[in-house]
Amino acid sequence: MIIGLVVVLLLCPCLAVGGWFVLASSDSDDPAPTASVSAAPTENGPTEPTEPAEPTLEPTTAEPTPTPTRAEQIVRGDCVVNDGTASDADLRKVACGPNTYEVLLRIPASTNGDRCKSLAPESNANYVHDNSVDLFDYVLCLRKRN
């Protein structure tokens, strides 16, 4: 019984941290739009489904507020530029083109940039994110685009 209690006490925090990591690393911050169908009763028979009314959008003159791109949102296939230095990189997601770095592979829970040599041999650069929580560490294997 004591062994079972110890296993449960060790497993619960691991599952909670793992679940939080999965939710935090999802690509989309907005939930998917949903549509509902309601049934409108009729006098002479069964109910007929009706579509909800489309929302009307009011025009606005406000400028859209850009949201900063966090390095955690950079995934395979994205292109980035370094706005920082070689020793203190500050990656920014951009459209792919000349003088950008294409992300070939993202290695989660690792700070070993040498893994890019074997896992993505066509890479010629890497970015290592070292978080205080090892679960949130990652390596980006990059290829310079000319």
N, C-alpha and C. Protein backbone atom coordinates (compact mmCIF):
# COMPACT_ATOMS: atom_id res chain seq x y z
N MET A 1 0.82 -1.18 0.00
CA MET A 1 0.00 0.00 0.00
C MET A 1 0.88 1.26 0.00
N ILE A 2 1.95 1.24 0.74
CA ILE A 2 2.85 2.39 0.79
C ILE A 2 3.50 2.62 -0.56
N ILE A 3 3.88 1.56 -1.23
CA ILE A 3 4.48 1.69 -2.57
C ILE A 3 3.49 2.32 -3.53
N GLY A 4 2.24 1.91 -3.48
CA GLY A 4 1.20 2.49 -4.33
C GLY A 4 1.02 3.97 -4.06
N LEU A 5 1.04 4.38 -2.80
CA LEU A 5 0.92 5.78 -2.43
C LEU A 5 2.10 6.59 -2.95
N VAL A 6 3.29 6.07 -2.84
CA VAL A 6 4.49 6.75 -3.33
C VAL A 6 4.41 6.92 -4.85
N VAL A 7 3.98 5.89 -5.55
CA VAL A 7 3.86 5.96 -7.01
C VAL A 7 2.85 7.03 -7.41
N VAL A 8 1.70 7.08 -6.74
CA VAL A 8 0.68 8.09 -7.05
C VAL A 8 1.21 9.49 -6.77
N LEU A 9 1.88 9.68 -5.65
CA LEU A 9 2.41 11.00 -5.31
C LEU A 9 3.48 11.46 -6.30
N LEU A 10 4.24 10.55 -6.86
CA LEU A 10 5.24 10.91 -7.85
C LEU A 10 4.63 11.11 -9.23
N LEU A 11 3.59 10.38 -9.56
CA LEU A 11 2.98 10.43 -10.88
C LEU A 11 2.12 11.68 -11.09
N CYS A 12 1.40 12.12 -10.08
CA CYS A 12 0.50 13.27 -10.22
C CYS A 12 1.22 14.54 -10.66
N PRO A 13 2.30 14.97 -10.01
CA PRO A 13 2.98 16.19 -10.47
C PRO A 13 3.55 16.05 -11.88
N CYS A 14 4.02 14.85 -12.23
CA CYS A 14 4.56 14.65 -13.58
C CYS A 14 3.47 14.80 -14.63
N LEU A 15 2.30 14.25 -14.37
CA LEU A 15 1.19 14.38 -15.31
C LEU A 15 0.72 15.83 -15.41
N ALA A 16 0.70 16.55 -14.30
CA ALA A 16 0.27 17.94 -14.31
C ALA A 16 1.24 18.80 -15.12
N VAL A 17 2.53 18.63 -14.91
CA VAL A 17 3.54 19.40 -15.66
C VAL A 17 3.49 19.01 -17.14
N GLY A 18 3.34 17.74 -17.44
CA GLY A 18 3.26 17.29 -18.83
C GLY A 18 2.03 17.85 -19.52
N GLY A 19 0.89 17.86 -18.84
CA GLY A 19 -0.32 18.43 -19.41
C GLY A 19 -0.20 19.92 -19.65
N TRP A 20 0.41 20.62 -18.70
CA TRP A 20 0.61 22.06 -18.87
C TRP A 20 1.54 22.33 -20.05
N PHE A 21 2.57 21.52 -20.21
CA PHE A 21 3.50 21.69 -21.32
C PHE A 21 2.79 21.50 -22.66
N VAL A 22 1.95 20.49 -22.75
CA VAL A 22 1.22 20.24 -23.99
C VAL A 22 0.30 21.42 -24.31
N LEU A 23 -0.39 21.93 -23.32
CA LEU A 23 -1.28 23.07 -23.55
C LEU A 23 -0.49 24.33 -23.91
N ALA A 24 0.65 24.55 -23.26
CA ALA A 24 1.44 25.74 -23.51
C ALA A 24 2.12 25.70 -24.86
N SER A 25 2.40 24.51 -25.38
CA SER A 25 3.14 24.42 -26.64
C SER A 25 2.23 24.25 -27.84
N SER A 26 0.92 24.37 -27.66
CA SER A 26 0.04 24.25 -28.82
C SER A 26 0.26 25.42 -29.75
N ASP A 27 0.11 25.19 -31.06
CA ASP A 27 0.37 26.22 -32.07
C ASP A 27 -0.68 27.32 -32.09
N SER A 28 -1.88 27.03 -31.68
CA SER A 28 -2.96 28.00 -31.79
C SER A 28 -3.37 28.48 -30.40
N ASP A 29 -3.44 29.81 -30.22
CA ASP A 29 -3.89 30.37 -28.96
C ASP A 29 -5.40 30.54 -28.94
N ASP A 30 -6.04 30.59 -30.10
CA ASP A 30 -7.47 30.79 -30.18
C ASP A 30 -8.16 29.44 -30.35
N PRO A 31 -9.29 29.25 -29.64
CA PRO A 31 -10.02 28.00 -29.85
C PRO A 31 -10.65 27.98 -31.22
N ALA A 32 -10.90 26.79 -31.72
CA ALA A 32 -11.52 26.65 -33.04
C ALA A 32 -12.95 27.18 -32.98
N PRO A 33 -13.39 27.87 -34.04
CA PRO A 33 -14.77 28.36 -34.02
C PRO A 33 -15.75 27.20 -34.07
N THR A 34 -16.83 27.38 -33.37
CA THR A 34 -17.85 26.34 -33.35
C THR A 34 -19.17 26.92 -33.85
N ALA A 35 -19.97 26.09 -34.45
CA ALA A 35 -21.29 26.49 -34.92
C ALA A 35 -22.31 25.63 -34.22
N SER A 36 -23.40 26.26 -33.83
CA SER A 36 -24.46 25.49 -33.18
C SER A 36 -25.70 25.51 -34.06
N VAL A 37 -26.46 24.45 -33.99
CA VAL A 37 -27.70 24.34 -34.73
C VAL A 37 -28.81 24.18 -33.71
N SER A 38 -29.84 25.03 -33.82
CA SER A 38 -30.95 24.92 -32.89
C SER A 38 -32.16 24.39 -33.63
N ALA A 39 -33.07 23.81 -32.89
CA ALA A 39 -34.29 23.27 -33.49
C ALA A 39 -35.43 24.24 -33.22
N ALA A 40 -36.12 24.64 -34.27
CA ALA A 40 -37.26 25.54 -34.13
C ALA A 40 -38.54 24.71 -34.30
N PRO A 41 -39.42 24.72 -33.31
CA PRO A 41 -40.63 23.90 -33.43
C PRO A 41 -41.58 24.49 -34.48
N THR A 42 -42.25 23.61 -35.19
CA THR A 42 -43.26 24.03 -36.16
C THR A 42 -44.62 23.56 -35.69
N GLU A 43 -45.65 24.18 -36.19
CA GLU A 43 -47.00 23.86 -35.75
C GLU A 43 -47.48 22.52 -36.28
N ASN A 44 -47.07 22.13 -37.50
CA ASN A 44 -47.64 20.97 -38.15
C ASN A 44 -46.73 19.75 -38.20
N GLY A 45 -45.67 19.71 -37.46
CA GLY A 45 -44.84 18.53 -37.59
C GLY A 45 -43.58 18.61 -36.75
N PRO A 46 -42.59 17.82 -37.18
CA PRO A 46 -41.36 17.77 -36.40
C PRO A 46 -40.60 19.09 -36.49
N THR A 47 -39.65 19.21 -35.62
CA THR A 47 -38.86 20.43 -35.58
C THR A 47 -37.87 20.44 -36.73
N GLU A 48 -37.59 21.61 -37.24
CA GLU A 48 -36.64 21.80 -38.33
C GLU A 48 -35.41 22.51 -37.79
N PRO A 49 -34.21 22.07 -38.15
CA PRO A 49 -33.02 22.78 -37.67
C PRO A 49 -32.90 24.13 -38.37
N THR A 50 -32.44 25.12 -37.61
CA THR A 50 -32.21 26.45 -38.17
C THR A 50 -30.78 26.85 -37.88
N GLU A 51 -30.17 27.56 -38.79
CA GLU A 51 -28.80 28.02 -38.62
C GLU A 51 -28.80 29.30 -37.79
N PRO A 52 -27.80 29.51 -36.95
CA PRO A 52 -27.73 30.76 -36.19
C PRO A 52 -27.43 31.92 -37.13
N ALA A 53 -27.86 33.10 -36.74
CA ALA A 53 -27.62 34.29 -37.55
C ALA A 53 -26.13 34.61 -37.57
N GLU A 54 -25.64 35.06 -38.70
CA GLU A 54 -24.23 35.43 -38.82
C GLU A 54 -23.97 36.71 -38.05
N PRO A 55 -22.87 36.79 -37.30
CA PRO A 55 -22.58 38.02 -36.57
C PRO A 55 -22.17 39.12 -37.56
N THR A 56 -22.52 40.33 -37.23
CA THR A 56 -22.12 41.46 -38.07
C THR A 56 -20.88 42.08 -37.47
N LEU A 57 -19.95 42.44 -38.32
CA LEU A 57 -18.70 43.05 -37.88
C LEU A 57 -18.74 44.54 -38.14
N GLU A 58 -18.46 45.30 -37.13
CA GLU A 58 -18.41 46.75 -37.25
C GLU A 58 -17.03 47.15 -37.76
N PRO A 59 -16.96 48.05 -38.75
CA PRO A 59 -15.65 48.51 -39.20
C PRO A 59 -14.96 49.32 -38.10
N THR A 60 -13.65 49.21 -38.05
CA THR A 60 -12.89 49.93 -37.03
C THR A 60 -11.75 50.68 -37.69
N THR A 61 -11.37 51.77 -37.05
CA THR A 61 -10.25 52.55 -37.57
C THR A 61 -8.99 52.32 -36.76
N ALA A 62 -9.08 51.51 -35.71
CA ALA A 62 -7.92 51.24 -34.87
C ALA A 62 -6.92 50.36 -35.60
N GLU A 63 -5.66 50.64 -35.40
CA GLU A 63 -4.59 49.83 -35.98
C GLU A 63 -4.52 48.50 -35.23
N PRO A 64 -4.29 47.39 -35.93
CA PRO A 64 -4.15 46.12 -35.22
C PRO A 64 -2.89 46.12 -34.37
N THR A 65 -2.99 45.53 -33.21
CA THR A 65 -1.85 45.45 -32.32
C THR A 65 -1.05 44.21 -32.64
N PRO A 66 0.22 44.38 -33.07
CA PRO A 66 1.01 43.19 -33.37
C PRO A 66 1.33 42.43 -32.10
N THR A 67 1.30 41.13 -32.18
CA THR A 67 1.67 40.31 -31.04
C THR A 67 3.09 39.82 -31.24
N PRO A 68 3.92 39.95 -30.24
CA PRO A 68 5.31 39.50 -30.41
C PRO A 68 5.38 38.00 -30.61
N THR A 69 6.25 37.57 -31.48
CA THR A 69 6.43 36.16 -31.73
C THR A 69 7.45 35.62 -30.73
N ARG A 70 7.03 34.68 -29.94
CA ARG A 70 7.94 34.07 -28.99
C ARG A 70 8.66 32.92 -29.67
N ALA A 71 9.88 32.68 -29.27
CA ALA A 71 10.65 31.59 -29.85
C ALA A 71 9.97 30.25 -29.61
N GLU A 72 9.13 30.16 -28.56
CA GLU A 72 8.43 28.92 -28.29
C GLU A 72 7.43 28.59 -29.39
N GLN A 73 7.01 29.60 -30.17
CA GLN A 73 6.03 29.37 -31.23
C GLN A 73 6.69 29.02 -32.56
N ILE A 74 7.98 29.00 -32.62
CA ILE A 74 8.69 28.70 -33.86
C ILE A 74 8.73 27.19 -34.04
N VAL A 75 8.28 26.73 -35.21
CA VAL A 75 8.19 25.30 -35.48
C VAL A 75 8.90 24.98 -36.79
N ARG A 76 9.01 23.70 -37.08
CA ARG A 76 9.66 23.22 -38.30
C ARG A 76 9.01 23.86 -39.53
N GLY A 77 9.84 24.35 -40.45
CA GLY A 77 9.36 24.98 -41.66
C GLY A 77 9.30 26.49 -41.57
N ASP A 78 9.32 27.06 -40.36
CA ASP A 78 9.33 28.51 -40.20
C ASP A 78 10.70 29.06 -40.57
N CYS A 79 10.76 30.34 -40.87
CA CYS A 79 12.02 31.02 -41.09
C CYS A 79 12.18 32.12 -40.05
N VAL A 80 13.42 32.32 -39.62
CA VAL A 80 13.70 33.28 -38.56
C VAL A 80 14.92 34.11 -38.92
N VAL A 81 15.03 35.27 -38.26
CA VAL A 81 16.24 36.08 -38.29
C VAL A 81 16.64 36.32 -36.85
N ASN A 82 17.90 36.61 -36.63
CA ASN A 82 18.42 36.86 -35.30
C ASN A 82 18.56 38.37 -35.11
N ASP A 83 17.72 38.96 -34.27
CA ASP A 83 17.82 40.38 -33.96
C ASP A 83 18.80 40.65 -32.83
N GLY A 84 19.35 39.59 -32.25
CA GLY A 84 20.32 39.74 -31.16
C GLY A 84 21.73 39.52 -31.66
N THR A 85 22.55 38.96 -30.80
CA THR A 85 23.94 38.66 -31.15
C THR A 85 24.12 37.15 -31.19
N ALA A 86 25.31 36.72 -31.57
CA ALA A 86 25.58 35.28 -31.61
C ALA A 86 25.53 34.67 -30.21
N SER A 87 25.97 35.41 -29.20
CA SER A 87 25.97 34.87 -27.85
C SER A 87 24.65 35.10 -27.12
N ASP A 88 23.84 36.05 -27.58
CA ASP A 88 22.54 36.34 -26.96
C ASP A 88 21.51 36.52 -28.07
N ALA A 89 21.10 35.40 -28.66
CA ALA A 89 20.20 35.43 -29.82
C ALA A 89 18.80 35.88 -29.42
N ASP A 90 18.15 36.59 -30.34
CA ASP A 90 16.77 37.02 -30.19
C ASP A 90 16.08 36.72 -31.51
N LEU A 91 15.48 35.51 -31.62
CA LEU A 91 14.91 35.07 -32.88
C LEU A 91 13.55 35.71 -33.12
N ARG A 92 13.31 36.04 -34.38
CA ARG A 92 12.03 36.61 -34.81
C ARG A 92 11.57 35.86 -36.05
N LYS A 93 10.30 35.42 -36.07
CA LYS A 93 9.74 34.70 -37.21
C LYS A 93 9.49 35.69 -38.34
N VAL A 94 9.93 35.32 -39.56
CA VAL A 94 9.76 36.15 -40.74
C VAL A 94 9.36 35.27 -41.92
N ALA A 95 9.01 35.92 -43.03
CA ALA A 95 8.74 35.17 -44.26
C ALA A 95 10.07 34.61 -44.77
N CYS A 96 10.05 33.43 -45.33
CA CYS A 96 11.27 32.80 -45.83
C CYS A 96 11.80 33.57 -47.02
N GLY A 97 13.09 33.76 -47.06
CA GLY A 97 13.74 34.47 -48.14
C GLY A 97 15.24 34.44 -47.94
N PRO A 98 15.96 35.22 -48.73
CA PRO A 98 17.41 35.26 -48.58
C PRO A 98 17.81 35.81 -47.20
N ASN A 99 18.92 35.34 -46.71
CA ASN A 99 19.49 35.77 -45.43
C ASN A 99 18.57 35.50 -44.24
N THR A 100 17.80 34.44 -44.32
CA THR A 100 17.01 33.97 -43.18
C THR A 100 17.46 32.56 -42.85
N TYR A 101 17.05 32.08 -41.69
CA TYR A 101 17.35 30.72 -41.27
C TYR A 101 16.05 29.91 -41.28
N GLU A 102 16.06 28.78 -41.97
CA GLU A 102 14.90 27.90 -42.00
C GLU A 102 15.04 26.87 -40.89
N VAL A 103 13.96 26.66 -40.14
CA VAL A 103 13.95 25.68 -39.06
C VAL A 103 13.74 24.29 -39.68
N LEU A 104 14.74 23.45 -39.56
CA LEU A 104 14.66 22.09 -40.10
C LEU A 104 14.12 21.10 -39.08
N LEU A 105 14.40 21.36 -37.81
CA LEU A 105 14.00 20.42 -36.77
C LEU A 105 13.96 21.13 -35.43
N ARG A 106 12.98 20.79 -34.61
CA ARG A 106 12.90 21.28 -33.23
C ARG A 106 13.05 20.08 -32.31
N ILE A 107 14.05 20.10 -31.46
CA ILE A 107 14.32 18.98 -30.54
C ILE A 107 13.88 19.43 -29.14
N PRO A 108 12.77 18.90 -28.63
CA PRO A 108 12.29 19.33 -27.32
C PRO A 108 13.09 18.72 -26.18
N ALA A 109 13.07 19.39 -25.03
CA ALA A 109 13.67 18.91 -23.78
C ALA A 109 15.15 18.57 -23.95
N SER A 110 15.87 19.41 -24.70
CA SER A 110 17.30 19.18 -24.91
C SER A 110 18.03 20.51 -25.03
N THR A 111 19.28 20.53 -24.61
CA THR A 111 20.14 21.70 -24.83
C THR A 111 21.41 21.28 -25.57
N ASN A 112 21.38 20.12 -26.19
CA ASN A 112 22.54 19.59 -26.90
C ASN A 112 22.44 19.96 -28.38
N GLY A 113 23.07 21.07 -28.77
CA GLY A 113 23.04 21.52 -30.15
C GLY A 113 23.75 20.59 -31.11
N ASP A 114 24.65 19.75 -30.60
CA ASP A 114 25.36 18.80 -31.46
C ASP A 114 24.44 17.72 -32.02
N ARG A 115 23.25 17.55 -31.43
CA ARG A 115 22.31 16.54 -31.94
C ARG A 115 21.83 16.90 -33.35
N CYS A 116 21.93 18.18 -33.72
CA CYS A 116 21.52 18.59 -35.07
C CYS A 116 22.38 17.92 -36.14
N LYS A 117 23.64 17.65 -35.83
CA LYS A 117 24.55 17.03 -36.81
C LYS A 117 24.04 15.67 -37.25
N SER A 118 23.47 14.91 -36.32
CA SER A 118 22.98 13.58 -36.68
C SER A 118 21.50 13.56 -37.05
N LEU A 119 20.68 14.40 -36.41
CA LEU A 119 19.25 14.37 -36.67
C LEU A 119 18.83 15.24 -37.86
N ALA A 120 19.59 16.28 -38.15
CA ALA A 120 19.31 17.15 -39.30
C ALA A 120 20.65 17.52 -39.94
N PRO A 121 21.26 16.57 -40.66
CA PRO A 121 22.61 16.79 -41.19
C PRO A 121 22.73 17.96 -42.15
N GLU A 122 21.63 18.39 -42.77
CA GLU A 122 21.70 19.53 -43.68
C GLU A 122 21.69 20.87 -42.96
N SER A 123 21.56 20.86 -41.61
CA SER A 123 21.60 22.12 -40.86
C SER A 123 23.03 22.64 -40.79
N ASN A 124 23.16 23.97 -40.74
CA ASN A 124 24.48 24.57 -40.61
C ASN A 124 24.53 25.57 -39.47
N ALA A 125 23.48 25.58 -38.63
CA ALA A 125 23.44 26.43 -37.43
C ALA A 125 22.42 25.83 -36.48
N ASN A 126 22.47 26.26 -35.22
CA ASN A 126 21.46 25.82 -34.27
C ASN A 126 21.21 26.91 -33.24
N TYR A 127 20.07 26.83 -32.60
CA TYR A 127 19.68 27.75 -31.53
C TYR A 127 19.30 26.89 -30.34
N VAL A 128 19.90 27.16 -29.19
CA VAL A 128 19.65 26.39 -27.98
C VAL A 128 18.92 27.28 -26.98
N HIS A 129 17.75 26.83 -26.55
CA HIS A 129 16.98 27.55 -25.52
C HIS A 129 17.11 26.76 -24.23
N ASP A 130 17.76 27.35 -23.24
CA ASP A 130 17.99 26.69 -21.96
C ASP A 130 17.10 27.37 -20.91
N ASN A 131 16.04 26.68 -20.52
CA ASN A 131 15.10 27.19 -19.54
C ASN A 131 15.49 26.65 -18.17
N SER A 132 15.05 27.33 -17.11
CA SER A 132 15.34 26.85 -15.76
C SER A 132 14.62 25.53 -15.48
N VAL A 133 13.53 25.28 -16.21
CA VAL A 133 12.83 23.99 -16.12
C VAL A 133 13.26 23.18 -17.35
N ASP A 134 13.97 22.09 -17.12
CA ASP A 134 14.54 21.30 -18.23
C ASP A 134 13.49 20.83 -19.23
N LEU A 135 12.27 20.64 -18.80
CA LEU A 135 11.21 20.18 -19.68
C LEU A 135 10.94 21.20 -20.80
N PHE A 136 11.25 22.48 -20.56
CA PHE A 136 10.98 23.54 -21.53
C PHE A 136 12.22 23.90 -22.36
N ASP A 137 13.30 23.17 -22.22
CA ASP A 137 14.48 23.36 -23.07
C ASP A 137 14.16 22.87 -24.47
N TYR A 138 14.83 23.44 -25.48
CA TYR A 138 14.71 22.93 -26.83
C TYR A 138 15.87 23.43 -27.68
N VAL A 139 16.08 22.74 -28.79
CA VAL A 139 17.11 23.09 -29.77
C VAL A 139 16.41 23.24 -31.12
N LEU A 140 16.76 24.31 -31.84
CA LEU A 140 16.29 24.48 -33.21
C LEU A 140 17.46 24.22 -34.14
N CYS A 141 17.30 23.28 -35.05
CA CYS A 141 18.31 23.00 -36.07
C CYS A 141 17.97 23.89 -37.27
N LEU A 142 18.91 24.73 -37.69
CA LEU A 142 18.66 25.76 -38.70
C LEU A 142 19.54 25.59 -39.92
N ARG A 143 19.04 26.09 -41.05
CA ARG A 143 19.83 26.14 -42.28
C ARG A 143 19.74 27.55 -42.83
N LYS A 144 20.91 28.16 -43.05
CA LYS A 144 20.97 29.52 -43.63
C LYS A 144 20.50 29.48 -45.06
N ARG A 145 19.55 30.36 -45.40
CA ARG A 145 19.04 30.46 -46.78
C ARG A 145 19.79 31.57 -47.49
N ASN A 146 20.25 31.30 -48.69
CA ASN A 146 20.98 32.32 -49.45
C ASN A 146 20.11 32.98 -50.48
